[in-house]
Amino acid sequence: MVQWWVYAVGSALFSTAFSLSRKRALLKMHSMNLESTRTLAIAFFCIFLIPFINLNIEPGVFFLIYGTSVLSTIGILFASKALRHEAVSLIAPLSNLRPGIVAVLAFLFLGEILNTRKIIGIGVLVLAAYLLESDHHFSDFIAPIKHLMRDKYSKFFLFAIGLFGALSVLNKYLVSNYVDIFTLYFLTWIFIAINFNLAHSWRYGFKDTINCFKELSYLPILIGGLSMIMNLLYLKAISITYVSLVSPIVMLSTLFIVFIGGNFFHEKYIYFRFFVSILMIAGAYLIII
């Protein structure tokens, strides 16, 4: 039997490949174009999940899942725009803020306990985010806050992470009460593909989607496949053991993205951002355990 950590490490590696391939594609293509083609590829791959899904669900739940897909569509687009215009070594570590957002939302809406350890973890995440926005400059205490307020793409990504945090709480509620993981994944991504391609066709025309496939060749299919495998390996790992064991390993992908991506795309302050990423993973671990 394959050990849980094999799936977790696999998810981290595929997450790294997904993020770097996505950044590479975004250097050539606008966010809406790429995400419309990527989600089409994921929708196609979702066909292979049909034997594992159960569509015998209530209409209200069905529409709630569609609502989460709309929020996911918005979050994906904002995250993609941020990744296109910002350094991958700056954007990737911010994704580690998600456990802190989830912890606060779960405390507010699900009644989960926010104990001292989790509060310390949230504090560490906030400190790490501050250091990250300082971008290696410490002469002005409020400069990182000013930078965040001026940089719309960092705000785009934080907004996306906030949405994904809220969606984590909603998805937990759905899986705990109404639907299994594979059905939720299947419906969500089918809806996301529909959302993106309807919006894209309305604004640019469907021919633009075809041209995106022609220009990027295999990249949309590769990126879609990588993201799907990444998510399924994560789901498999947490089906075997605790999320508190799996998540820190998956978060190690941040370190790989910062170091490999930072060097590949010739970005600045790689080692500083690598250190901040370690600090963020430590804060996230305090929240998760």
Foldseek 3Di string as FASTA:
>chain_A
DDALVVLLLLLLVLVLVLLLLLLVLLLPDPLLLLVLLLLVLLLVVLVVLVVVFDPPFDPVLLVVLLVLLVLLLLLSSLLSNLSSPDQLLLLLLLLLLLLLLLLVVCCVPVVDDCDPLLVVLNVLQVVLNLLSLCVPPDPDPCNSVVSCVPDVSSVSNNVSSNSVSVSVVVVVVCCVPTTPDSNSVNSSSVSNSVVSQVVCCVVPRVVSSVVSCVVVPCSSNSSSVSVVSSVVSLVVSCVVDPPLVSVLSSLCSSLVNLVVSCVVVVHPPSVVSSVSSVSSSVSSSSSRD
